[in-house]
C-alpha atoms as a PDB file:
ATOM      1  CA  UNK A   1    -113.323  -2.660  18.037  1.00  0.00           C
ATOM      2  CA  UNK A   2    -115.884  -3.199  20.775  1.00  0.00           C
ATOM      3  CA  UNK A   3    -119.308  -1.619  20.948  1.00  0.00           C
ATOM      4  CA  UNK A   4    -120.630   0.681  23.663  1.00  0.00           C
ATOM      5  CA  UNK A   5    -124.020  -1.025  23.597  1.00  0.00           C
ATOM      6  CA  UNK A   6    -125.019  -2.967  26.690  1.00  0.00           C
ATOM      7  CA  UNK A   7    -127.323  -5.986  26.792  1.00  0.00           C
ATOM      8  CA  UNK A   8    -130.968  -5.051  26.379  1.00  0.00           C
ATOM      9  CA  UNK A   9    -132.357  -3.869  29.686  1.00  0.00           C
ATOM     10  CA  UNK A  10    -135.863  -2.805  30.644  1.00  0.00           C
ATOM     11  CA  UNK A  11    -135.873   0.976  30.748  1.00  0.00           C
ATOM     12  CA  UNK A  12    -138.400   3.031  32.716  1.00  0.00           C
ATOM     13  CA  UNK A  13    -140.639   4.771  30.155  1.00  0.00           C
ATOM     14  CA  UNK A  14    -140.222   8.106  31.943  1.00  0.00           C
ATOM     15  CA  UNK A  15    -136.414   8.050  31.789  1.00  0.00           C
ATOM     16  CA  UNK A  16    -135.111  10.721  29.434  1.00  0.00           C
ATOM     17  CA  UNK A  17    -131.933  10.250  27.459  1.00  0.00           C
ATOM     18  CA  UNK A  18    -128.736  11.474  29.076  1.00  0.00           C
ATOM     19  CA  UNK A  19    -127.421  14.457  27.109  1.00  0.00           C
ATOM     20  CA  UNK A  20    -123.693  14.953  26.633  1.00  0.00           C
ATOM     21  CA  UNK A  21    -121.385  16.974  24.410  1.00  0.00           C
ATOM     22  CA  UNK A  22    -117.817  16.894  23.213  1.00  0.00           C
ATOM     23  CA  UNK A  23    -115.541  17.601  20.285  1.00  0.00           C
ATOM     24  CA  UNK A  24    -113.131  16.082  17.867  1.00  0.00           C
ATOM     25  CA  UNK A  25    -110.055  18.161  18.666  1.00  0.00           C
ATOM     26  CA  UNK A  26    -107.585  18.333  15.791  1.00  0.00           C
ATOM     27  CA  UNK A  27    -104.423  20.003  14.602  1.00  0.00           C
ATOM     28  CA  UNK A  28    -102.501  20.172  11.335  1.00  0.00           C
ATOM     29  CA  UNK A  29     -98.908  18.870  11.273  1.00  0.00           C
ATOM     30  CA  UNK A  30     -96.960  19.021   8.011  1.00  0.00           C
ATOM     31  CA  UNK A  31    -100.189  19.337   6.073  1.00  0.00           C
ATOM     32  CA  UNK A  32    -101.862  16.332   7.698  1.00  0.00           C
ATOM     33  CA  UNK A  33    -104.539  16.258  10.393  1.00  0.00           C
ATOM     34  CA  UNK A  34    -104.010  14.670  13.777  1.00  0.00           C
ATOM     35  CA  UNK A  35    -106.810  13.894  16.236  1.00  0.00           C
ATOM     36  CA  UNK A  36    -106.695  14.094  20.028  1.00  0.00           C
ATOM     37  CA  UNK A  37    -107.795  10.943  21.860  1.00  0.00           C
ATOM     38  CA  UNK A  38    -108.224  10.487  25.606  1.00  0.00           C
ATOM     39  CA  UNK A  39    -107.320   7.363  27.551  1.00  0.00           C
ATOM     40  CA  UNK A  40    -109.846   7.179  30.370  1.00  0.00           C
ATOM     41  CA  UNK A  41    -108.688   5.912  33.726  1.00  0.00           C
ATOM     42  CA  UNK A  42    -111.764   4.219  35.201  1.00  0.00           C
ATOM     43  CA  UNK A  43    -113.319   2.996  31.952  1.00  0.00           C
ATOM     44  CA  UNK A  44    -109.965   1.791  30.617  1.00  0.00           C
ATOM     45  CA  UNK A  45    -110.887   2.816  27.106  1.00  0.00           C
ATOM     46  CA  UNK A  46    -109.855   5.252  24.374  1.00  0.00           C
ATOM     47  CA  UNK A  47    -112.402   7.805  23.221  1.00  0.00           C
ATOM     48  CA  UNK A  48    -113.068  11.333  22.058  1.00  0.00           C
ATOM     49  CA  UNK A  49    -113.338  13.877  24.906  1.00  0.00           C
ATOM     50  CA  UNK A  50    -116.897  14.504  26.044  1.00  0.00           C
ATOM     51  CA  UNK A  51    -119.078  14.801  29.139  1.00  0.00           C
ATOM     52  CA  UNK A  52    -122.580  15.204  30.492  1.00  0.00           C
ATOM     53  CA  UNK A  53    -124.497  18.467  30.475  1.00  0.00           C
ATOM     54  CA  UNK A  54    -124.498  20.303  33.792  1.00  0.00           C
ATOM     55  CA  UNK A  55    -127.692  22.055  34.974  1.00  0.00           C
ATOM     56  CA  UNK A  56    -128.144  25.434  33.284  1.00  0.00           C
ATOM     57  CA  UNK A  57    -125.766  24.705  30.397  1.00  0.00           C
ATOM     58  CA  UNK A  58    -126.398  24.691  26.687  1.00  0.00           C
ATOM     59  CA  UNK A  59    -124.768  21.891  24.702  1.00  0.00           C
ATOM     60  CA  UNK A  60    -121.996  24.035  23.140  1.00  0.00           C
ATOM     61  CA  UNK A  61    -121.093  25.310  26.614  1.00  0.00           C
ATOM     62  CA  UNK A  62    -120.858  21.730  27.854  1.00  0.00           C
ATOM     63  CA  UNK A  63    -118.578  20.767  24.974  1.00  0.00           C
ATOM     64  CA  UNK A  64    -115.950  23.451  25.636  1.00  0.00           C
ATOM     65  CA  UNK A  65    -116.102  22.964  29.422  1.00  0.00           C
ATOM     66  CA  UNK A  66    -115.615  19.217  29.119  1.00  0.00           C
ATOM     67  CA  UNK A  67    -112.740  19.598  26.654  1.00  0.00           C
ATOM     68  CA  UNK A  68    -111.035  21.987  29.075  1.00  0.00           C
ATOM     69  CA  UNK A  69    -111.575  19.653  32.017  1.00  0.00           C
ATOM     70  CA  UNK A  70    -110.481  16.472  30.239  1.00  0.00           C
ATOM     71  CA  UNK A  71    -107.624  17.790  28.112  1.00  0.00           C
ATOM     72  CA  UNK A  72    -106.671  21.243  29.378  1.00  0.00           C
ATOM     73  CA  UNK A  73    -107.317  22.821  25.973  1.00  0.00           C
ATOM     74  CA  UNK A  74    -109.500  25.943  25.722  1.00  0.00           C
ATOM     75  CA  UNK A  75    -111.122  25.294  22.350  1.00  0.00           C
ATOM     76  CA  UNK A  76    -113.366  27.190  19.965  1.00  0.00           C
ATOM     77  CA  UNK A  77    -116.071  25.078  18.359  1.00  0.00           C
ATOM     78  CA  UNK A  78    -116.213  24.657  14.617  1.00  0.00           C
ATOM     79  CA  UNK A  79    -118.980  23.003  12.622  1.00  0.00           C
ATOM     80  CA  UNK A  80    -121.142  20.330  14.258  1.00  0.00           C
ATOM     81  CA  UNK A  81    -120.395  16.683  13.534  1.00  0.00           C
ATOM     82  CA  UNK A  82    -123.792  15.377  14.551  1.00  0.00           C
ATOM     83  CA  UNK A  83    -124.738  13.013  17.349  1.00  0.00           C
ATOM     84  CA  UNK A  84    -124.252   9.436  18.405  1.00  0.00           C
ATOM     85  CA  UNK A  85    -126.690   7.450  20.538  1.00  0.00           C
ATOM     86  CA  UNK A  86    -126.191   4.331  22.591  1.00  0.00           C
ATOM     87  CA  UNK A  87    -127.608   2.463  25.578  1.00  0.00           C
ATOM     88  CA  UNK A  88    -125.962   2.795  28.991  1.00  0.00           C
ATOM     89  CA  UNK A  89    -125.553  -0.213  31.305  1.00  0.00           C
ATOM     90  CA  UNK A  90    -128.407   1.126  33.476  1.00  0.00           C
ATOM     91  CA  UNK A  91    -130.773   0.968  30.494  1.00  0.00           C
ATOM     92  CA  UNK A  92    -130.967   4.688  29.769  1.00  0.00           C
ATOM     93  CA  UNK A  93    -130.148   6.066  26.360  1.00  0.00           C
ATOM     94  CA  UNK A  94    -127.293   8.511  25.952  1.00  0.00           C
ATOM     95  CA  UNK A  95    -127.021  11.131  23.204  1.00  0.00           C
ATOM     96  CA  UNK A  96    -123.660  12.786  22.603  1.00  0.00           C
ATOM     97  CA  UNK A  97    -123.418  15.928  20.461  1.00  0.00           C
ATOM     98  CA  UNK A  98    -120.082  16.591  18.747  1.00  0.00           C
ATOM     99  CA  UNK A  99    -118.320  19.495  17.063  1.00  0.00           C
ATOM    100  CA  UNK A 100    -114.898  19.850  15.489  1.00  0.00           C
ATOM    101  CA  UNK A 101    -112.355  22.065  17.246  1.00  0.00           C
ATOM    102  CA  UNK A 102    -108.973  22.958  15.783  1.00  0.00           C
ATOM    103  CA  UNK A 103    -106.071  23.882  18.034  1.00  0.00           C
ATOM    104  CA  UNK A 104    -102.821  25.525  17.029  1.00  0.00           C
ATOM    105  CA  UNK A 105    -100.135  22.925  16.375  1.00  0.00           C
ATOM    106  CA  UNK A 106     -97.464  24.959  18.174  1.00  0.00           C
ATOM    107  CA  UNK A 107     -99.656  25.414  21.215  1.00  0.00           C
ATOM    108  CA  UNK A 108    -100.485  21.717  21.216  1.00  0.00           C
ATOM    109  CA  UNK A 109     -96.772  20.855  21.078  1.00  0.00           C
ATOM    110  CA  UNK A 110     -96.100  22.985  24.173  1.00  0.00           C
ATOM    111  CA  UNK A 111     -99.175  21.738  26.018  1.00  0.00           C
ATOM    112  CA  UNK A 112     -98.519  19.789  29.202  1.00  0.00           C
ATOM    113  CA  UNK A 113    -100.955  17.431  30.873  1.00  0.00           C
ATOM    114  CA  UNK A 114    -100.918  15.525  34.137  1.00  0.00           C
ATOM    115  CA  UNK A 115    -102.797  12.256  34.520  1.00  0.00           C
ATOM    116  CA  UNK A 116    -105.714  12.282  36.951  1.00  0.00           C
ATOM    117  CA  UNK A 117    -108.501  10.068  38.203  1.00  0.00           C
ATOM    118  CA  UNK A 118    -110.505  10.571  35.018  1.00  0.00           C
ATOM    119  CA  UNK A 119    -107.984  10.810  32.165  1.00  0.00           C
ATOM    120  CA  UNK A 120    -104.666   8.964  32.403  1.00  0.00           C
ATOM    121  CA  UNK A 121    -103.203  10.112  29.060  1.00  0.00           C
ATOM    122  CA  UNK A 122    -103.738  12.182  25.932  1.00  0.00           C
ATOM    123  CA  UNK A 123    -102.685  10.911  22.519  1.00  0.00           C
ATOM    124  CA  UNK A 124    -102.400  12.645  19.153  1.00  0.00           C
ATOM    125  CA  UNK A 125    -102.871  10.202  16.275  1.00  0.00           C
ATOM    126  CA  UNK A 126    -103.018  10.652  12.490  1.00  0.00           C
ATOM    127  CA  UNK A 127    -106.573  11.116  11.264  1.00  0.00           C
ATOM    128  CA  UNK A 128    -106.302   8.077   9.004  1.00  0.00           C
ATOM    129  CA  UNK A 129    -105.440   5.847  11.989  1.00  0.00           C
ATOM    130  CA  UNK A 130    -107.720   7.382  14.636  1.00  0.00           C
ATOM    131  CA  UNK A 131    -110.667   5.042  14.094  1.00  0.00           C
ATOM    132  CA  UNK A 132    -108.497   1.985  14.775  1.00  0.00           C
ATOM    133  CA  UNK A 133    -107.291   3.443  18.072  1.00  0.00           C
ATOM    134  CA  UNK A 134    -110.787   4.161  19.406  1.00  0.00           C
ATOM    135  CA  UNK A 135    -112.598   1.633  21.565  1.00  0.00           C
ATOM    136  CA  UNK A 136    -116.114   2.396  20.339  1.00  0.00           C
ATOM    137  CA  UNK A 137    -117.579   2.311  16.862  1.00  0.00           C
ATOM    138  CA  UNK A 138    -119.704   5.380  17.462  1.00  0.00           C
ATOM    139  CA  UNK A 139    -116.554   7.446  18.090  1.00  0.00           C
ATOM    140  CA  UNK A 140    -115.135   6.156  14.812  1.00  0.00           C
ATOM    141  CA  UNK A 141    -118.277   7.451  13.068  1.00  0.00           C
ATOM    142  CA  UNK A 142    -117.474  10.978  14.278  1.00  0.00           C
ATOM    143  CA  UNK A 143    -113.925  10.646  12.934  1.00  0.00           C
ATOM    144  CA  UNK A 144    -115.321   9.600   9.553  1.00  0.00           C
ATOM    145  CA  UNK A 145    -117.677  12.585   9.460  1.00  0.00           C
ATOM    146  CA  UNK A 146    -114.821  14.931  10.216  1.00  0.00           C
ATOM    147  CA  UNK A 147    -112.619  13.316   7.564  1.00  0.00           C
ATOM    148  CA  UNK A 148    -115.375  13.968   5.011  1.00  0.00           C
ATOM    149  CA  UNK A 149    -115.533  17.626   6.065  1.00  0.00           C
ATOM    150  CA  UNK A 150    -111.776  17.970   5.795  1.00  0.00           C
ATOM    151  CA  UNK A 151    -111.646  16.324   2.369  1.00  0.00           C
ATOM    152  CA  UNK A 152    -114.366  18.708   1.145  1.00  0.00           C
ATOM    153  CA  UNK A 153    -112.472  21.773   2.389  1.00  0.00           C
ATOM    154  CA  UNK A 154    -115.134  22.473   5.024  1.00  0.00           C
ATOM    155  CA  UNK A 155    -113.218  21.830   8.234  1.00  0.00           C
ATOM    156  CA  UNK A 156    -112.213  25.432   8.897  1.00  0.00           C
ATOM    157  CA  UNK A 157    -115.231  27.665   9.415  1.00  0.00           C
ATOM    158  CA  UNK A 158    -116.473  30.934  10.817  1.00  0.00           C
ATOM    159  CA  UNK A 159    -119.983  31.505  12.117  1.00  0.00           C
ATOM    160  CA  UNK A 160    -122.862  33.937  11.919  1.00  0.00           C
ATOM    161  CA  UNK A 161    -124.720  33.625  15.223  1.00  0.00           C
ATOM    162  CA  UNK A 162    -128.231  35.059  15.331  1.00  0.00           C
ATOM    163  CA  UNK A 163    -129.662  35.659  18.808  1.00  0.00           C
ATOM    164  CA  UNK A 164    -133.234  36.648  19.592  1.00  0.00           C
ATOM    165  CA  UNK A 165    -133.629  38.886  22.628  1.00  0.00           C
ATOM    166  CA  UNK A 166    -134.880  37.381  25.863  1.00  0.00           C
ATOM    167  CA  UNK A 167    -138.403  37.592  27.218  1.00  0.00           C
ATOM    168  CA  UNK A 168    -139.294  41.280  27.512  1.00  0.00           C
ATOM    169  CA  UNK A 169    -141.957  43.339  29.233  1.00  0.00           C
ATOM    170  CA  UNK A 170    -145.237  42.919  27.272  1.00  0.00           C
ATOM    171  CA  UNK A 171    -146.365  45.866  25.149  1.00  0.00           C
ATOM    172  CA  UNK A 172    -149.561  46.305  27.146  1.00  0.00           C
ATOM    173  CA  UNK A 173    -147.646  46.661  30.409  1.00  0.00           C
ATOM    174  CA  UNK A 174    -145.175  49.254  29.137  1.00  0.00           C
ATOM    175  CA  UNK A 175    -146.010  52.944  28.744  1.00  0.00           C
ATOM    176  CA  UNK A 176    -142.782  54.075  27.085  1.00  0.00           C
ATOM    177  CA  UNK A 177    -141.528  53.721  23.501  1.00  0.00           C
ATOM    178  CA  UNK A 178    -141.246  50.148  22.257  1.00  0.00           C
ATOM    179  CA  UNK A 179    -137.442  50.262  21.963  1.00  0.00           C
ATOM    180  CA  UNK A 180    -137.165  51.004  25.697  1.00  0.00           C
ATOM    181  CA  UNK A 181    -139.040  47.899  26.852  1.00  0.00           C
ATOM    182  CA  UNK A 182    -136.797  46.043  29.352  1.00  0.00           C
ATOM    183  CA  UNK A 183    -136.251  42.346  29.828  1.00  0.00           C
ATOM    184  CA  UNK A 184    -138.303  40.485  32.395  1.00  0.00           C
ATOM    185  CA  UNK A 185    -136.460  38.450  35.016  1.00  0.00           C
ATOM    186  CA  UNK A 186    -136.960  35.393  32.797  1.00  0.00           C
ATOM    187  CA  UNK A 187    -135.346  37.263  29.921  1.00  0.00           C
ATOM    188  CA  UNK A 188    -132.336  38.087  32.071  1.00  0.00           C
ATOM    189  CA  UNK A 189    -132.027  34.420  33.034  1.00  0.00           C
ATOM    190  CA  UNK A 190    -132.270  33.365  29.388  1.00  0.00           C
ATOM    191  CA  UNK A 191    -129.521  35.813  28.451  1.00  0.00           C
ATOM    192  CA  UNK A 192    -127.229  34.431  31.136  1.00  0.00           C
ATOM    193  CA  UNK A 193    -128.039  30.861  30.131  1.00  0.00           C
ATOM    194  CA  UNK A 194    -126.993  31.209  26.475  1.00  0.00           C
ATOM    195  CA  UNK A 195    -123.893  33.359  27.004  1.00  0.00           C
ATOM    196  CA  UNK A 196    -121.549  30.422  27.565  1.00  0.00           C
ATOM    197  CA  UNK A 197    -122.928  28.558  24.567  1.00  0.00           C
ATOM    198  CA  UNK A 198    -122.467  31.536  22.262  1.00  0.00           C
ATOM    199  CA  UNK A 199    -118.966  32.192  23.619  1.00  0.00           C
ATOM    200  CA  UNK A 200    -118.078  28.573  22.760  1.00  0.00           C
ATOM    201  CA  UNK A 201    -117.890  29.527  19.077  1.00  0.00           C
ATOM    202  CA  UNK A 202    -115.298  32.232  19.731  1.00  0.00           C
ATOM    203  CA  UNK A 203    -117.101  35.303  18.359  1.00  0.00           C
ATOM    204  CA  UNK A 204    -114.940  38.322  17.643  1.00  0.00           C
ATOM    205  CA  UNK A 205    -117.730  40.785  16.813  1.00  0.00           C
ATOM    206  CA  UNK A 206    -120.957  41.491  18.708  1.00  0.00           C
ATOM    207  CA  UNK A 207    -123.697  43.517  17.027  1.00  0.00           C
ATOM    208  CA  UNK A 208    -127.039  44.396  18.597  1.00  0.00           C
ATOM    209  CA  UNK A 209    -130.205  46.217  17.751  1.00  0.00           C
ATOM    210  CA  UNK A 210    -130.236  49.443  19.807  1.00  0.00           C
ATOM    211  CA  UNK A 211    -133.426  48.311  21.549  1.00  0.00           C
ATOM    212  CA  UNK A 212    -132.972  47.974  25.316  1.00  0.00           C
ATOM    213  CA  UNK A 213    -134.139  44.351  25.328  1.00  0.00           C
ATOM    214  CA  UNK A 214    -131.498  43.362  22.752  1.00  0.00           C
ATOM    215  CA  UNK A 215    -128.665  45.284  24.420  1.00  0.00           C
ATOM    216  CA  UNK A 216    -129.500  43.626  27.743  1.00  0.00           C
ATOM    217  CA  UNK A 217    -129.705  40.184  26.124  1.00  0.00           C
ATOM    218  CA  UNK A 218    -126.253  40.345  24.571  1.00  0.00           C
ATOM    219  CA  UNK A 219    -124.646  41.874  27.681  1.00  0.00           C
ATOM    220  CA  UNK A 220    -123.774  38.520  29.359  1.00  0.00           C
ATOM    221  CA  UNK A 221    -122.189  37.338  26.102  1.00  0.00           C
ATOM    222  CA  UNK A 222    -120.169  40.557  25.983  1.00  0.00           C
ATOM    223  CA  UNK A 223    -119.002  39.877  29.537  1.00  0.00           C
ATOM    224  CA  UNK A 224    -118.118  36.260  28.721  1.00  0.00           C
ATOM    225  CA  UNK A 225    -116.097  37.232  25.649  1.00  0.00           C
ATOM    226  CA  UNK A 226    -114.705  40.589  26.845  1.00  0.00           C
ATOM    227  CA  UNK A 227    -115.999  42.191  23.629  1.00  0.00           C
ATOM    228  CA  UNK A 228    -117.654  45.561  23.101  1.00  0.00           C
ATOM    229  CA  UNK A 229    -121.135  45.633  21.581  1.00  0.00           C
ATOM    230  CA  UNK A 230    -121.753  47.524  18.362  1.00  0.00           C
ATOM    231  CA  UNK A 231    -125.272  48.867  17.848  1.00  0.00           C
ATOM    232  CA  UNK A 232    -126.840  48.686  14.395  1.00  0.00           C
ATOM    233  CA  UNK A 233    -130.233  50.181  13.559  1.00  0.00           C
ATOM    234  CA  UNK A 234    -130.294  48.037  10.398  1.00  0.00           C
ATOM    235  CA  UNK A 235    -131.292  44.984  12.496  1.00  0.00           C
ATOM    236  CA  UNK A 236    -133.701  46.836  14.791  1.00  0.00           C
ATOM    237  CA  UNK A 237    -137.448  46.279  14.791  1.00  0.00           C
ATOM    238  CA  UNK A 238    -138.068  50.011  14.432  1.00  0.00           C
ATOM    239  CA  UNK A 239    -136.190  49.990  11.109  1.00  0.00           C
ATOM    240  CA  UNK A 240    -137.922  46.848   9.825  1.00  0.00           C
ATOM    241  CA  UNK A 241    -138.798  46.985   6.118  1.00  0.00           C
ATOM    242  CA  UNK A 242    -140.415  44.234   4.103  1.00  0.00           C
ATOM    243  CA  UNK A 243    -137.724  44.289   1.407  1.00  0.00           C
ATOM    244  CA  UNK A 244    -135.006  43.530   3.983  1.00  0.00           C
ATOM    245  CA  UNK A 245    -132.387  45.441   2.002  1.00  0.00           C
ATOM    246  CA  UNK A 246    -130.696  47.051   5.009  1.00  0.00           C
ATOM    247  CA  UNK A 247    -130.523  43.700   6.734  1.00  0.00           C
ATOM    248  CA  UNK A 248    -129.026  42.112   3.643  1.00  0.00           C
ATOM    249  CA  UNK A 249    -126.262  44.716   3.500  1.00  0.00           C
ATOM    250  CA  UNK A 250    -125.416  44.106   7.158  1.00  0.00           C
ATOM    251  CA  UNK A 251    -125.256  40.345   6.620  1.00  0.00           C
ATOM    252  CA  UNK A 252    -123.177  40.683   3.447  1.00  0.00           C
ATOM    253  CA  UNK A 253    -120.661  42.827   5.318  1.00  0.00           C
ATOM    254  CA  UNK A 254    -120.330  40.282   8.111  1.00  0.00           C
ATOM    255  CA  UNK A 255    -119.940  37.303   5.785  1.00  0.00           C
ATOM    256  CA  UNK A 256    -117.439  39.202   3.654  1.00  0.00           C
ATOM    257  CA  UNK A 257    -115.178  39.779   6.655  1.00  0.00           C
ATOM    258  CA  UNK A 258    -115.255  36.093   7.646  1.00  0.00           C
ATOM    259  CA  UNK A 259    -115.314  36.894  11.343  1.00  0.00           C
ATOM    260  CA  UNK A 260    -117.516  34.961  13.741  1.00  0.00           C
ATOM    261  CA  UNK A 261    -120.204  37.504  14.553  1.00  0.00           C
ATOM    262  CA  UNK A 262    -123.238  37.626  16.817  1.00  0.00           C
ATOM    263  CA  UNK A 263    -126.294  39.576  15.668  1.00  0.00           C
ATOM    264  CA  UNK A 264    -128.873  40.151  18.426  1.00  0.00           C
ATOM    265  CA  UNK A 265    -132.211  41.100  16.946  1.00  0.00           C
ATOM    266  CA  UNK A 266    -136.002  40.699  16.933  1.00  0.00           C
ATOM    267  CA  UNK A 267    -138.558  38.114  15.862  1.00  0.00           C
ATOM    268  CA  UNK A 268    -139.645  39.897  12.640  1.00  0.00           C
ATOM    269  CA  UNK A 269    -136.062  40.687  11.570  1.00  0.00           C
ATOM    270  CA  UNK A 270    -134.413  37.326  12.225  1.00  0.00           C
ATOM    271  CA  UNK A 271    -135.995  35.523   9.227  1.00  0.00           C
ATOM    272  CA  UNK A 272    -134.595  38.287   7.015  1.00  0.00           C
ATOM    273  CA  UNK A 273    -131.115  37.770   8.477  1.00  0.00           C
ATOM    274  CA  UNK A 274    -131.131  34.033   7.825  1.00  0.00           C
ATOM    275  CA  UNK A 275    -132.750  34.445   4.419  1.00  0.00           C
ATOM    276  CA  UNK A 276    -130.080  36.938   3.392  1.00  0.00           C
ATOM    277  CA  UNK A 277    -127.283  34.667   4.598  1.00  0.00           C
ATOM    278  CA  UNK A 278    -128.764  31.671   2.771  1.00  0.00           C
ATOM    279  CA  UNK A 279    -129.236  33.690  -0.403  1.00  0.00           C
ATOM    280  CA  UNK A 280    -125.639  34.936  -0.320  1.00  0.00           C
ATOM    281  CA  UNK A 281    -124.506  31.324   0.123  1.00  0.00           C
ATOM    282  CA  UNK A 282    -126.686  30.177  -2.761  1.00  0.00           C
ATOM    283  CA  UNK A 283    -128.737  27.675  -0.770  1.00  0.00           C
ATOM    284  CA  UNK A 284    -132.474  27.124  -0.723  1.00  0.00           C
ATOM    285  CA  UNK A 285    -134.943  26.825   2.118  1.00  0.00           C
ATOM    286  CA  UNK A 286    -134.408  23.770   4.330  1.00  0.00           C
ATOM    287  CA  UNK A 287    -135.858  22.444   7.575  1.00  0.00           C
ATOM    288  CA  UNK A 288    -132.845  23.623   9.658  1.00  0.00           C
ATOM    289  CA  UNK A 289    -133.110  27.054   8.036  1.00  0.00           C
ATOM    290  CA  UNK A 290    -136.828  27.302   8.802  1.00  0.00           C
ATOM    291  CA  UNK A 291    -136.224  26.217  12.388  1.00  0.00           C
ATOM    292  CA  UNK A 292    -133.342  28.647  12.731  1.00  0.00           C
ATOM    293  CA  UNK A 293    -135.497  31.533  11.541  1.00  0.00           C
ATOM    294  CA  UNK A 294    -138.355  30.769  13.939  1.00  0.00           C
ATOM    295  CA  UNK A 295    -136.517  31.562  17.156  1.00  0.00           C
ATOM    296  CA  UNK A 296    -138.305  31.878  20.448  1.00  0.00           C
ATOM    297  CA  UNK A 297    -137.055  34.425  22.978  1.00  0.00           C
ATOM    298  CA  UNK A 298    -133.516  33.714  24.146  1.00  0.00           C
ATOM    299  CA  UNK A 299    -132.763  31.151  21.423  1.00  0.00           C
ATOM    300  CA  UNK A 300    -129.875  31.420  18.988  1.00  0.00           C
ATOM    301  CA  UNK A 301    -128.995  29.961  15.594  1.00  0.00           C
ATOM    302  CA  UNK A 302    -125.448  29.308  14.393  1.00  0.00           C
ATOM    303  CA  UNK A 303    -124.740  29.318  10.657  1.00  0.00           C
ATOM    304  CA  UNK A 304    -121.308  27.877   9.853  1.00  0.00           C
ATOM    305  CA  UNK A 305    -119.535  29.012   6.672  1.00  0.00           C
ATOM    306  CA  UNK A 306    -116.382  27.592   5.088  1.00  0.00           C
ATOM    307  CA  UNK A 307    -113.423  29.854   5.716  1.00  0.00           C
ATOM    308  CA  UNK A 308    -111.430  28.467   2.793  1.00  0.00           C
ATOM    309  CA  UNK A 309    -113.955  29.558   0.177  1.00  0.00           C
ATOM    310  CA  UNK A 310    -113.988  32.581  -2.097  1.00  0.00           C
ATOM    311  CA  UNK A 311    -117.757  32.970  -1.774  1.00  0.00           C
ATOM    312  CA  UNK A 312    -119.960  32.202   1.258  1.00  0.00           C
ATOM    313  CA  UNK A 313    -120.433  28.444   1.484  1.00  0.00           C
ATOM    314  CA  UNK A 314    -122.827  27.188   4.124  1.00  0.00           C
ATOM    315  CA  UNK A 315    -121.552  24.133   5.986  1.00  0.00           C
ATOM    316  CA  UNK A 316    -124.148  23.638   8.727  1.00  0.00           C
ATOM    317  CA  UNK A 317    -126.965  25.249  10.722  1.00  0.00           C
ATOM    318  CA  UNK A 318    -127.770  24.553  14.359  1.00  0.00           C
ATOM    319  CA  UNK A 319    -130.186  26.117  16.824  1.00  0.00           C
ATOM    320  CA  UNK A 320    -130.017  26.161  20.634  1.00  0.00           C
ATOM    321  CA  UNK A 321    -132.419  27.180  23.378  1.00  0.00           C
ATOM    322  CA  UNK A 322    -131.622  28.592  26.814  1.00  0.00           C
ATOM    323  CA  UNK A 323    -131.663  26.070  29.622  1.00  0.00           C
ATOM    324  CA  UNK A 324    -134.440  28.075  31.268  1.00  0.00           C
ATOM    325  CA  UNK A 325    -138.103  27.260  30.810  1.00  0.00           C
ATOM    326  CA  UNK A 326    -139.917  30.030  28.921  1.00  0.00           C
END
């Protein structure tokens, strides 16, 4: 197996790493996992599908767009599989972010694909043999991480996605009630920017604080997913209570239903949401949890829970920011 690393090359100190995203696409056949590999035309290699971030995209958005472009599959992202880093021939570093993404075996069987200038063929291989088929060691690392998730019963997940409203009109510039404060233009841009990334996880339920700034923030996500928005005072800032009991009940209901759900709320309430979810999953405070609770405007945190578990079992936490400077 060859390495993707190029000979050491002087790299301009100002050059930032190239960001890319992709997924390990898998299906179950007769109780065994198979992994989708792509045979690239120009590079003449075999790899996992991935691609560079386009301007204005979040990483999850990039992952599902690239999978669609390279394989024709419209996927829903599962739990993250981490990153790989390597040096490009031009001396720049490249960081690729991966998720798992299961597709229906029947749909995959009926799927047709035509070779093009980028991908000449798709190949489904048994999980146990995938690493040997891949050209690069860093791709094999992603396969190994997924295999560990699968063995632990953590491959199939649902998500609780917590979104903080976009940048809103400051208190001192607004004469009306706090819950009527609108988004600024920046807030509207932030909301548009994260919609594709949130939709990448395939939410089936959207819940928002009734505050105007939250309803407006989740609106682009509602448009991207064709879902109606439910309004819940329990996650509003006006109903904030230090004991967080109403928030906990809302979170418990969502985790109990095992449906990927978006909760759009406020800075003071969001730590209660994540704390309640962590408590119900029986996990303590961690760095990802602290980061996920400290969202800036327009950011969102995704908490992945094992679907094949009687009680909430936290698999991973990730946080993403809008591709718009705040």
